């Protein structure tokens, strides 16, 4: 099963990005987690169907309406074998 690490920068904290990303990931049938970074961005780890990962990655370019995404970087990741998508703190 493919897995990806997605990093999003811009105005992506304090705009409900994590909750919206969790909702989108679950809608896509993905497992993984989302968390804020100390640098002011958001990091997502997701695993599942390749098309679902593509859909989540595409969504990250806009995010929730209050977000102002500047950059999205993605790389392949090792599968962690998760069974849900959670918000990590």
PDB file of N, CA and C in Angstrom:
ATOM      1  N   UNK A   1       0.849  -1.177   0.000  1.00  0.00           N
ATOM      2  CA  UNK A   1       0.000   0.000   0.000  1.00  0.00           C
ATOM      3  C   UNK A   1       0.897   1.244   0.000  1.00  0.00           C
ATOM      4  N   UNK A   2       0.685   2.159  -0.914  1.00  0.00           N
ATOM      5  CA  UNK A   2       1.521   3.360  -0.969  1.00  0.00           C
ATOM      6  C   UNK A   2       1.285   4.280   0.230  1.00  0.00           C
ATOM      7  N   UNK A   3       2.302   5.059   0.555  1.00  0.00           N
ATOM      8  CA  UNK A   3       2.213   6.035   1.644  1.00  0.00           C
ATOM      9  C   UNK A   3       2.972   7.291   1.239  1.00  0.00           C
ATOM     10  N   UNK A   4       2.511   8.440   1.741  1.00  0.00           N
ATOM     11  CA  UNK A   4       3.152   9.715   1.428  1.00  0.00           C
ATOM     12  C   UNK A   4       3.253  10.595   2.658  1.00  0.00           C
ATOM     13  N   UNK A   5       4.284  11.413   2.644  1.00  0.00           N
ATOM     14  CA  UNK A   5       4.462  12.480   3.624  1.00  0.00           C
ATOM     15  C   UNK A   5       4.241  13.788   2.877  1.00  0.00           C
ATOM     16  N   UNK A   6       3.330  14.610   3.379  1.00  0.00           N
ATOM     17  CA  UNK A   6       2.977  15.866   2.723  1.00  0.00           C
ATOM     18  C   UNK A   6       3.240  17.004   3.700  1.00  0.00           C
ATOM     19  N   UNK A   7       3.987  18.009   3.254  1.00  0.00           N
ATOM     20  CA  UNK A   7       4.272  19.190   4.072  1.00  0.00           C
ATOM     21  C   UNK A   7       3.629  20.402   3.415  1.00  0.00           C
ATOM     22  N   UNK A   8       2.872  21.162   4.204  1.00  0.00           N
ATOM     23  CA  UNK A   8       2.160  22.323   3.695  1.00  0.00           C
ATOM     24  C   UNK A   8       2.634  23.549   4.467  1.00  0.00           C
ATOM     25  N   UNK A   9       2.974  24.621   3.743  1.00  0.00           N
ATOM     26  CA  UNK A   9       3.386  25.867   4.386  1.00  0.00           C
ATOM     27  C   UNK A   9       2.487  27.001   3.915  1.00  0.00           C
ATOM     28  N   UNK A  10       2.522  28.089   4.667  1.00  0.00           N
ATOM     29  CA  UNK A  10       1.681  29.251   4.411  1.00  0.00           C
ATOM     30  C   UNK A  10       0.891  29.546   5.670  1.00  0.00           C
ATOM     31  N   UNK A  11      -0.267  30.173   5.521  1.00  0.00           N
ATOM     32  CA  UNK A  11      -1.151  30.396   6.670  1.00  0.00           C
ATOM     33  C   UNK A  11      -2.009  29.140   6.814  1.00  0.00           C
ATOM     34  N   UNK A  12      -1.454  28.167   7.523  1.00  0.00           N
ATOM     35  CA  UNK A  12      -2.112  26.866   7.631  1.00  0.00           C
ATOM     36  C   UNK A  12      -2.337  26.430   9.081  1.00  0.00           C
ATOM     37  N   UNK A  13      -1.953  27.276  10.037  1.00  0.00           N
ATOM     38  CA  UNK A  13      -2.256  27.003  11.439  1.00  0.00           C
ATOM     39  C   UNK A  13      -3.306  28.008  11.908  1.00  0.00           C
ATOM     40  N   UNK A  14      -4.131  27.570  12.860  1.00  0.00           N
ATOM     41  CA  UNK A  14      -5.234  28.379  13.392  1.00  0.00           C
ATOM     42  C   UNK A  14      -6.292  28.680  12.335  1.00  0.00           C
ATOM     43  N   UNK A  15      -6.432  27.796  11.352  1.00  0.00           N
ATOM     44  CA  UNK A  15      -7.465  27.935  10.316  1.00  0.00           C
ATOM     45  C   UNK A  15      -8.227  26.613  10.136  1.00  0.00           C
ATOM     46  N   UNK A  16      -8.141  25.728  11.125  1.00  0.00           N
ATOM     47  CA  UNK A  16      -8.806  24.410  11.102  1.00  0.00           C
ATOM     48  C   UNK A  16      -8.277  23.496  10.001  1.00  0.00           C
ATOM     49  N   UNK A  17      -7.004  23.685   9.613  1.00  0.00           N
ATOM     50  CA  UNK A  17      -6.430  22.855   8.549  1.00  0.00           C
ATOM     51  C   UNK A  17      -6.379  21.390   8.967  1.00  0.00           C
ATOM     52  N   UNK A  18      -5.963  21.112  10.202  1.00  0.00           N
ATOM     53  CA  UNK A  18      -5.841  19.713  10.630  1.00  0.00           C
ATOM     54  C   UNK A  18      -7.185  18.998  10.611  1.00  0.00           C
ATOM     55  N   UNK A  19      -8.211  19.644  11.156  1.00  0.00           N
ATOM     56  CA  UNK A  19      -9.541  19.020  11.188  1.00  0.00           C
ATOM     57  C   UNK A  19     -10.077  18.802   9.777  1.00  0.00           C
ATOM     58  N   UNK A  20      -9.882  19.783   8.908  1.00  0.00           N
ATOM     59  CA  UNK A  20     -10.350  19.653   7.526  1.00  0.00           C
ATOM     60  C   UNK A  20      -9.566  18.573   6.786  1.00  0.00           C
ATOM     61  N   UNK A  21      -8.263  18.481   7.042  1.00  0.00           N
ATOM     62  CA  UNK A  21      -7.440  17.447   6.407  1.00  0.00           C
ATOM     63  C   UNK A  21      -7.862  16.062   6.882  1.00  0.00           C
ATOM     64  N   UNK A  22      -8.157  15.937   8.166  1.00  0.00           N
ATOM     65  CA  UNK A  22      -8.626  14.658   8.696  1.00  0.00           C
ATOM     66  C   UNK A  22      -9.939  14.256   8.020  1.00  0.00           C
ATOM     67  N   UNK A  23     -10.855  15.198   7.895  1.00  0.00           N
ATOM     68  CA  UNK A  23     -12.137  14.922   7.245  1.00  0.00           C
ATOM     69  C   UNK A  23     -11.934  14.487   5.792  1.00  0.00           C
ATOM     70  N   UNK A  24     -11.082  15.201   5.060  1.00  0.00           N
ATOM     71  CA  UNK A  24     -10.818  14.871   3.657  1.00  0.00           C
ATOM     72  C   UNK A  24     -10.161  13.495   3.541  1.00  0.00           C
ATOM     73  N   UNK A  25      -9.187  13.217   4.401  1.00  0.00           N
ATOM     74  CA  UNK A  25      -8.498  11.925   4.362  1.00  0.00           C
ATOM     75  C   UNK A  25      -9.466  10.777   4.631  1.00  0.00           C
ATOM     76  N   UNK A  26     -10.334  10.944   5.618  1.00  0.00           N
ATOM     77  CA  UNK A  26     -11.312   9.896   5.918  1.00  0.00           C
ATOM     78  C   UNK A  26     -12.292   9.731   4.762  1.00  0.00           C
ATOM     79  N   UNK A  27     -12.689  10.852   4.164  1.00  0.00           N
ATOM     80  CA  UNK A  27     -13.570  10.809   2.992  1.00  0.00           C
ATOM     81  C   UNK A  27     -12.922  10.014   1.855  1.00  0.00           C
ATOM     82  N   UNK A  28     -11.602  10.125   1.741  1.00  0.00           N
ATOM     83  CA  UNK A  28     -10.852   9.417   0.697  1.00  0.00           C
ATOM     84  C   UNK A  28     -10.513   7.980   1.082  1.00  0.00           C
ATOM     85  N   UNK A  29     -10.817   7.584   2.326  1.00  0.00           N
ATOM     86  CA  UNK A  29     -10.532   6.226   2.771  1.00  0.00           C
ATOM     87  C   UNK A  29      -9.081   5.998   3.155  1.00  0.00           C
ATOM     88  N   UNK A  30      -8.391   7.066   3.576  1.00  0.00           N
ATOM     89  CA  UNK A  30      -6.974   6.972   3.927  1.00  0.00           C
ATOM     90  C   UNK A  30      -6.780   6.801   5.427  1.00  0.00           C
ATOM     91  N   UNK A  31      -5.654   6.235   5.810  1.00  0.00           N
ATOM     92  CA  UNK A  31      -5.228   6.147   7.203  1.00  0.00           C
ATOM     93  C   UNK A  31      -3.980   6.999   7.357  1.00  0.00           C
ATOM     94  N   UNK A  32      -3.725   7.463   8.585  1.00  0.00           N
ATOM     95  CA  UNK A  32      -2.530   8.259   8.832  1.00  0.00           C
ATOM     96  C   UNK A  32      -2.755   9.275   9.926  1.00  0.00           C
ATOM     97  N   UNK A  33      -2.080  10.415   9.807  1.00  0.00           N
ATOM     98  CA  UNK A  33      -2.191  11.465  10.818  1.00  0.00           C
ATOM     99  C   UNK A  33      -1.837  12.813  10.209  1.00  0.00           C
ATOM    100  N   UNK A  34      -2.231  13.870  10.927  1.00  0.00           N
ATOM    101  CA  UNK A  34      -1.908  15.241  10.546  1.00  0.00           C
ATOM    102  C   UNK A  34      -1.492  15.973  11.814  1.00  0.00           C
ATOM    103  N   UNK A  35      -0.485  16.844  11.703  1.00  0.00           N
ATOM    104  CA  UNK A  35      -0.039  17.604  12.874  1.00  0.00           C
ATOM    105  C   UNK A  35       0.560  18.935  12.430  1.00  0.00           C
ATOM    106  N   UNK A  36       0.547  19.895  13.361  1.00  0.00           N
ATOM    107  CA  UNK A  36       1.238  21.160  13.141  1.00  0.00           C
ATOM    108  C   UNK A  36       2.734  20.940  13.320  1.00  0.00           C
ATOM    109  N   UNK A  37       3.537  21.750  12.635  1.00  0.00           N
ATOM    110  CA  UNK A  37       4.983  21.703  12.826  1.00  0.00           C
ATOM    111  C   UNK A  37       5.428  22.927  13.613  1.00  0.00           C
ATOM    112  N   UNK A  38       6.575  22.832  14.239  1.00  0.00           N
ATOM    113  CA  UNK A  38       7.121  23.959  15.002  1.00  0.00           C
ATOM    114  C   UNK A  38       7.443  25.140  14.103  1.00  0.00           C
ATOM    115  N   UNK A  39       7.645  24.880  12.813  1.00  0.00           N
ATOM    116  CA  UNK A  39       7.992  25.931  11.858  1.00  0.00           C
ATOM    117  C   UNK A  39       6.758  26.669  11.338  1.00  0.00           C
ATOM    118  N   UNK A  40       5.566  26.310  11.807  1.00  0.00           N
ATOM    119  CA  UNK A  40       4.350  27.006  11.403  1.00  0.00           C
ATOM    120  C   UNK A  40       3.592  26.362  10.264  1.00  0.00           C
ATOM    121  N   UNK A  41       4.013  25.188   9.843  1.00  0.00           N
ATOM    122  CA  UNK A  41       3.334  24.481   8.758  1.00  0.00           C
ATOM    123  C   UNK A  41       2.489  23.339   9.283  1.00  0.00           C
ATOM    124  N   UNK A  42       2.071  22.495   8.369  1.00  0.00           N
ATOM    125  CA  UNK A  42       1.307  21.298   8.697  1.00  0.00           C
ATOM    126  C   UNK A  42       1.976  20.119   7.992  1.00  0.00           C
ATOM    127  N   UNK A  43       2.056  19.001   8.689  1.00  0.00           N
ATOM    128  CA  UNK A  43       2.612  17.770   8.125  1.00  0.00           C
ATOM    129  C   UNK A  43       1.528  16.705   8.126  1.00  0.00           C
ATOM    130  N   UNK A  44       1.423  15.997   7.015  1.00  0.00           N
ATOM    131  CA  UNK A  44       0.460  14.903   6.890  1.00  0.00           C
ATOM    132  C   UNK A  44       1.216  13.638   6.506  1.00  0.00           C
ATOM    133  N   UNK A  45       0.887  12.543   7.178  1.00  0.00           N
ATOM    134  CA  UNK A  45       1.328  11.220   6.752  1.00  0.00           C
ATOM    135  C   UNK A  45       0.054  10.470   6.386  1.00  0.00           C
ATOM    136  N   UNK A  46       0.002   9.928   5.183  1.00  0.00           N
ATOM    137  CA  UNK A  46      -1.196   9.200   4.752  1.00  0.00           C
ATOM    138  C   UNK A  46      -0.798   7.952   3.980  1.00  0.00           C
ATOM    139  N   UNK A  47      -1.600   6.908   4.137  1.00  0.00           N
ATOM    140  CA  UNK A  47      -1.380   5.671   3.397  1.00  0.00           C
ATOM    141  C   UNK A  47      -2.716   5.146   2.895  1.00  0.00           C
ATOM    142  N   UNK A  48      -2.663   4.542   1.713  1.00  0.00           N
ATOM    143  CA  UNK A  48      -3.883   4.001   1.124  1.00  0.00           C
ATOM    144  C   UNK A  48      -3.765   3.945  -0.384  1.00  0.00           C
ATOM    145  N   UNK A  49      -4.897   3.948  -1.036  1.00  0.00           N
ATOM    146  CA  UNK A  49      -4.979   3.870  -2.489  1.00  0.00           C
ATOM    147  C   UNK A  49      -4.278   5.060  -3.150  1.00  0.00           C
ATOM    148  N   UNK A  50      -3.571   4.794  -4.229  1.00  0.00           N
ATOM    149  CA  UNK A  50      -2.814   5.834  -4.947  1.00  0.00           C
ATOM    150  C   UNK A  50      -3.706   6.993  -5.398  1.00  0.00           C
ATOM    151  N   UNK A  51      -4.894   6.687  -5.923  1.00  0.00           N
ATOM    152  CA  UNK A  51      -5.810   7.742  -6.366  1.00  0.00           C
ATOM    153  C   UNK A  51      -6.307   8.576  -5.193  1.00  0.00           C
ATOM    154  N   UNK A  52      -6.541   7.937  -4.051  1.00  0.00           N
ATOM    155  CA  UNK A  52      -6.976   8.657  -2.854  1.00  0.00           C
ATOM    156  C   UNK A  52      -5.858   9.569  -2.350  1.00  0.00           C
ATOM    157  N   UNK A  53      -4.617   9.091  -2.389  1.00  0.00           N
ATOM    158  CA  UNK A  53      -3.480   9.925  -2.000  1.00  0.00           C
ATOM    159  C   UNK A  53      -3.353  11.127  -2.927  1.00  0.00           C
ATOM    160  N   UNK A  54      -3.565  10.908  -4.218  1.00  0.00           N
ATOM    161  CA  UNK A  54      -3.530  12.015  -5.181  1.00  0.00           C
ATOM    162  C   UNK A  54      -4.601  13.054  -4.853  1.00  0.00           C
ATOM    163  N   UNK A  55      -5.807  12.586  -4.500  1.00  0.00           N
ATOM    164  CA  UNK A  55      -6.909  13.496  -4.177  1.00  0.00           C
ATOM    165  C   UNK A  55      -6.589  14.321  -2.934  1.00  0.00           C
ATOM    166  N   UNK A  56      -6.024  13.688  -1.901  1.00  0.00           N
ATOM    167  CA  UNK A  56      -5.656  14.423  -0.691  1.00  0.00           C
ATOM    168  C   UNK A  56      -4.564  15.434  -0.992  1.00  0.00           C
ATOM    169  N   UNK A  57      -3.569  15.029  -1.747  1.00  0.00           N
ATOM    170  CA  UNK A  57      -2.480  15.939  -2.099  1.00  0.00           C
ATOM    171  C   UNK A  57      -3.015  17.145  -2.872  1.00  0.00           C
ATOM    172  N   UNK A  58      -3.905  16.914  -3.809  1.00  0.00           N
ATOM    173  CA  UNK A  58      -4.490  18.013  -4.583  1.00  0.00           C
ATOM    174  C   UNK A  58      -5.274  18.953  -3.669  1.00  0.00           C
ATOM    175  N   UNK A  59      -6.052  18.390  -2.742  1.00  0.00           N
ATOM    176  CA  UNK A  59      -6.822  19.197  -1.794  1.00  0.00           C
ATOM    177  C   UNK A  59      -5.897  20.088  -0.964  1.00  0.00           C
ATOM    178  N   UNK A  60      -4.722  19.588  -0.613  1.00  0.00           N
ATOM    179  CA  UNK A  60      -3.776  20.343   0.221  1.00  0.00           C
ATOM    180  C   UNK A  60      -3.343  21.656  -0.427  1.00  0.00           C
ATOM    181  N   UNK A  61      -3.428  21.761  -1.735  1.00  0.00           N
ATOM    182  CA  UNK A  61      -3.028  22.995  -2.413  1.00  0.00           C
ATOM    183  C   UNK A  61      -3.982  24.148  -2.116  1.00  0.00           C
ATOM    184  N   UNK A  62      -5.188  23.844  -1.656  1.00  0.00           N
ATOM    185  CA  UNK A  62      -6.126  24.905  -1.270  1.00  0.00           C
ATOM    186  C   UNK A  62      -6.485  24.813   0.206  1.00  0.00           C
ATOM    187  N   UNK A  63      -6.738  23.611   0.716  1.00  0.00           N
ATOM    188  CA  UNK A  63      -7.087  23.429   2.115  1.00  0.00           C
ATOM    189  C   UNK A  63      -8.428  24.066   2.436  1.00  0.00           C
ATOM    190  N   UNK A  64      -8.695  24.302   3.730  1.00  0.00           N
ATOM    191  CA  UNK A  64      -9.951  24.945   4.112  1.00  0.00           C
ATOM    192  C   UNK A  64      -9.963  26.407   3.654  1.00  0.00           C
ATOM    193  N   UNK A  65     -11.138  27.007   3.627  1.00  0.00           N
ATOM    194  CA  UNK A  65     -11.286  28.345   3.042  1.00  0.00           C
ATOM    195  C   UNK A  65     -10.441  29.415   3.727  1.00  0.00           C
ATOM    196  N   UNK A  66     -10.175  29.298   5.021  1.00  0.00           N
ATOM    197  CA  UNK A  66      -9.397  30.322   5.737  1.00  0.00           C
ATOM    198  C   UNK A  66      -7.887  30.182   5.522  1.00  0.00           C
ATOM    199  N   UNK A  67      -7.454  29.078   4.940  1.00  0.00           N
ATOM    200  CA  UNK A  67      -6.015  28.844   4.730  1.00  0.00           C
ATOM    201  C   UNK A  67      -5.507  29.613   3.518  1.00  0.00           C
ATOM    202  N   UNK A  68      -4.227  29.940   3.567  1.00  0.00           N
ATOM    203  CA  UNK A  68      -3.533  30.526   2.422  1.00  0.00           C
ATOM    204  C   UNK A  68      -2.270  29.686   2.196  1.00  0.00           C
ATOM    205  N   UNK A  69      -2.416  28.651   1.396  1.00  0.00           N
ATOM    206  CA  UNK A  69      -1.324  27.704   1.155  1.00  0.00           C
ATOM    207  C   UNK A  69      -0.300  28.334   0.227  1.00  0.00           C
ATOM    208  N   UNK A  70       0.966  28.296   0.656  1.00  0.00           N
ATOM    209  CA  UNK A  70       2.059  28.806  -0.169  1.00  0.00           C
ATOM    210  C   UNK A  70       2.782  27.685  -0.906  1.00  0.00           C
ATOM    211  N   UNK A  71       2.956  26.550  -0.225  1.00  0.00           N
ATOM    212  CA  UNK A  71       3.749  25.474  -0.825  1.00  0.00           C
ATOM    213  C   UNK A  71       3.305  24.120  -0.284  1.00  0.00           C
ATOM    214  N   UNK A  72       3.291  23.137  -1.176  1.00  0.00           N
ATOM    215  CA  UNK A  72       3.008  21.752  -0.806  1.00  0.00           C
ATOM    216  C   UNK A  72       4.140  20.898  -1.351  1.00  0.00           C
ATOM    217  N   UNK A  73       4.810  20.171  -0.474  1.00  0.00           N
ATOM    218  CA  UNK A  73       5.863  19.254  -0.910  1.00  0.00           C
ATOM    219  C   UNK A  73       5.481  17.843  -0.469  1.00  0.00           C
ATOM    220  N   UNK A  74       5.730  16.906  -1.342  1.00  0.00           N
ATOM    221  CA  UNK A  74       5.326  15.524  -1.099  1.00  0.00           C
ATOM    222  C   UNK A  74       6.481  14.583  -1.381  1.00  0.00           C
ATOM    223  N   UNK A  75       6.590  13.545  -0.557  1.00  0.00           N
ATOM    224  CA  UNK A  75       7.562  12.492  -0.841  1.00  0.00           C
ATOM    225  C   UNK A  75       6.965  11.156  -0.430  1.00  0.00           C
ATOM    226  N   UNK A  76       7.440  10.122  -1.080  1.00  0.00           N
ATOM    227  CA  UNK A  76       7.001   8.775  -0.729  1.00  0.00           C
ATOM    228  C   UNK A  76       7.485   8.473   0.688  1.00  0.00           C
ATOM    229  N   UNK A  77       6.708   7.665   1.415  1.00  0.00           N
ATOM    230  CA  UNK A  77       7.046   7.337   2.800  1.00  0.00           C
ATOM    231  C   UNK A  77       6.889   5.834   3.010  1.00  0.00           C
ATOM    232  N   UNK A  78       7.478   5.354   4.088  1.00  0.00           N
ATOM    233  CA  UNK A  78       7.317   3.948   4.451  1.00  0.00           C
ATOM    234  C   UNK A  78       5.960   3.756   5.105  1.00  0.00           C
ATOM    235  N   UNK A  79       5.321   2.667   4.764  1.00  0.00           N
ATOM    236  CA  UNK A  79       4.013   2.366   5.320  1.00  0.00           C
ATOM    237  C   UNK A  79       4.127   2.056   6.808  1.00  0.00           C
ATOM    238  N   UNK A  80       3.221   2.648   7.611  1.00  0.00           N
ATOM    239  CA  UNK A  80       3.204   2.411   9.055  1.00  0.00           C
ATOM    240  C   UNK A  80       2.134   1.403   9.462  1.00  0.00           C
ATOM    241  N   UNK A  81       1.231   1.054   8.553  1.00  0.00           N
ATOM    242  CA  UNK A  81       0.192   0.071   8.858  1.00  0.00           C
ATOM    243  C   UNK A  81      -0.866   0.574   9.819  1.00  0.00           C
ATOM    244  N   UNK A  82      -1.287   1.818   9.663  1.00  0.00           N
ATOM    245  CA  UNK A  82      -2.281   2.413  10.557  1.00  0.00           C
ATOM    246  C   UNK A  82      -3.692   2.009  10.147  1.00  0.00           C
ATOM    247  N   UNK A  83      -4.644   2.144  11.093  1.00  0.00           N
ATOM    248  CA  UNK A  83      -6.020   1.732  10.815  1.00  0.00           C
ATOM    249  C   UNK A  83      -7.019   2.881  10.880  1.00  0.00           C
ATOM    250  N   UNK A  84      -6.550   4.119  11.128  1.00  0.00           N
ATOM    251  CA  UNK A  84      -7.438   5.275  11.234  1.00  0.00           C
ATOM    252  C   UNK A  84      -6.655   6.514  10.825  1.00  0.00           C
ATOM    253  N   UNK A  85      -7.343   7.630  10.696  1.00  0.00           N
ATOM    254  CA  UNK A  85      -6.669   8.897  10.416  1.00  0.00           C
ATOM    255  C   UNK A  85      -6.924   9.812  11.600  1.00  0.00           C
ATOM    256  N   UNK A  86      -5.853  10.264  12.252  1.00  0.00           N
ATOM    257  CA  UNK A  86      -5.986  11.024  13.492  1.00  0.00           C
ATOM    258  C   UNK A  86      -5.277  12.374  13.413  1.00  0.00           C
ATOM    259  N   UNK A  87      -5.643  13.243  14.348  1.00  0.00           N
ATOM    260  CA  UNK A  87      -4.929  14.500  14.530  1.00  0.00           C
ATOM    261  C   UNK A  87      -3.910  14.262  15.632  1.00  0.00           C
ATOM    262  N   UNK A  88      -2.641  14.470  15.317  1.00  0.00           N
ATOM    263  CA  UNK A  88      -1.566  14.274  16.295  1.00  0.00           C
ATOM    264  C   UNK A  88      -1.224  15.616  16.931  1.00  0.00           C
ATOM    265  N   UNK A  89      -0.870  15.582  18.190  1.00  0.00           N
ATOM    266  CA  UNK A  89      -0.511  16.810  18.916  1.00  0.00           C
ATOM    267  C   UNK A  89       0.905  16.715  19.432  1.00  0.00           C
TER     268      UNK A  89
END
